[in-house]
Protein backbone atom coordinates (compact mmCIF):
# COMPACT_ATOMS: atom_id res chain seq x y z
CA MET A 1 0.00 0.00 0.00
CA ILE A 2 2.84 2.38 0.79
CA HIS A 3 4.21 1.71 -2.70
CA HIS A 4 0.93 2.85 -4.26
CA LEU A 5 0.62 5.88 -1.98
CA ILE A 6 4.12 7.05 -2.90
CA LYS A 7 3.52 6.62 -6.62
CA GLU A 8 0.20 8.45 -6.38
CA LYS A 9 1.74 11.33 -4.40
CA CYS A 10 4.57 11.66 -6.95
CA LYS A 11 2.12 11.61 -9.83
CA TYR A 12 -0.02 14.26 -8.11
CA THR A 13 3.00 16.53 -7.50
CA ASP A 14 4.55 15.96 -10.98
CA ILE A 15 7.61 14.16 -9.63
CA ASN A 16 9.09 11.77 -12.17
CA LEU A 17 10.40 8.75 -10.30
CA GLN A 18 13.33 6.80 -11.68
CA ILE A 19 12.73 3.47 -9.98
CA VAL A 20 15.74 1.18 -10.12
CA LEU A 21 14.49 -1.48 -7.74
CA GLU A 22 11.50 -2.19 -5.57
CA SER A 23 11.16 -4.43 -2.56
CA ALA A 24 8.84 -5.15 0.32
CA SER A 25 11.95 -5.66 2.47
CA TRP A 26 12.98 -2.49 4.27
CA ASP A 27 16.28 -4.16 5.20
CA PHE A 28 17.02 -4.66 1.53
CA LEU A 29 16.14 -1.07 0.67
CA VAL A 30 18.23 0.44 3.48
CA ASN A 31 21.22 -1.78 2.73
CA SER A 32 20.96 -1.04 -1.00
CA THR A 33 21.52 2.63 -0.23
CA ARG A 34 24.61 1.64 1.76
CA ILE A 35 26.02 -0.32 -1.17
CA ASN A 36 25.18 2.17 -3.91
CA PRO A 37 25.57 5.86 -3.01
CA GLN A 38 23.54 6.85 -6.09
CA LEU A 39 20.38 5.30 -4.64
CA MET A 40 17.86 6.68 -2.22
CA THR A 41 14.92 4.94 -0.68
CA ILE A 42 11.62 5.92 0.84
CA ILE A 43 10.61 4.01 3.96
CA PRO A 44 8.12 4.71 6.75
CA LYS A 45 9.44 6.80 9.65
CA PRO A 46 8.67 4.14 12.29
CA THR A 47 11.00 1.71 10.52
CA VAL A 48 13.89 4.20 10.53
CA ASP A 49 14.02 3.91 14.32
CA ASN A 50 14.98 0.24 13.90
CA TYR A 51 18.23 0.98 12.04
CA VAL A 52 21.61 2.39 12.92
CA LEU A 53 21.97 5.16 10.35
CA GLN A 54 25.50 6.39 11.03
CA ASP A 55 26.37 6.14 7.35
CA ILE A 56 22.97 7.16 5.94
CA VAL A 57 21.23 10.52 5.99
CA ALA A 58 17.53 10.32 6.85
CA ILE A 59 15.59 13.34 5.63
CA PRO A 60 11.99 13.69 6.83
CA MET A 61 9.44 14.62 4.18
CA GLU A 62 7.91 18.06 4.42
CA ASN A 63 4.39 16.77 3.76
CA PRO A 64 4.58 13.09 4.71
CA ILE A 65 2.14 10.52 3.44
CA PRO A 66 -0.14 9.43 6.30
CA TRP A 67 0.44 5.79 7.19
CA LYS A 68 -1.96 4.01 9.50
CA VAL A 69 -1.34 0.44 10.56
CA MET A 70 -4.35 -1.68 11.36
CA GLY A 71 -4.72 -5.13 12.82
CA SER A 72 -7.43 -7.47 11.68
CA ARG A 73 -8.64 -10.96 12.39
CA LEU A 74 -11.60 -13.15 11.55
CA LYS A 75 -14.90 -12.10 13.03
CA LYS A 76 -16.20 -15.04 15.04
CA ASP A 77 -18.03 -15.65 18.30
CA ASN A 78 -15.14 -17.28 20.16
CA HIS A 79 -11.39 -17.04 19.75
CA SER A 80 -9.09 -19.61 21.28
CA THR A 81 -7.06 -18.70 24.33
CA ILE A 82 -3.88 -18.50 22.24
CA GLU A 83 -5.58 -16.32 19.60
CA GLU A 84 -6.75 -13.91 22.31
CA TYR A 85 -3.33 -13.88 23.98
CA ILE A 86 -1.42 -13.13 20.78
CA PHE A 87 -3.91 -10.52 19.59
CA ASN A 88 -3.82 -8.74 22.95
CA LYS A 89 0.00 -8.83 23.08
CA ILE A 90 0.14 -7.20 19.65
CA LEU A 91 -2.29 -4.50 20.79
CA GLU A 92 -0.20 -3.92 23.93
CA LYS A 93 3.00 -3.65 21.90
CA PHE A 94 1.48 -0.89 19.78
CA HIS A 95 -0.03 0.82 22.85
CA VAL A 96 -3.61 0.28 21.70
CA ILE A 97 -4.76 -1.16 25.01
């Protein structure tokens, strides 16, 4: 989804992207910029906090694309104990409950 939001934003603002590679792996994208100084990547701000960026410059966007993460699961009357436990732990981790 982020991929589509970025492309749409660039199209809307008349920015012509020169896409060399695409990946769903943020590790791959970050490390590609380390290997090739002619590359830049666009990744969500929350993921930047997971990397040591001593050799990479992170520049925040002036008008960032909103990115909302949502959790979902099957709607059913009863969830197993383990399903409830895992779902609640995920919510706790993201400070939802």
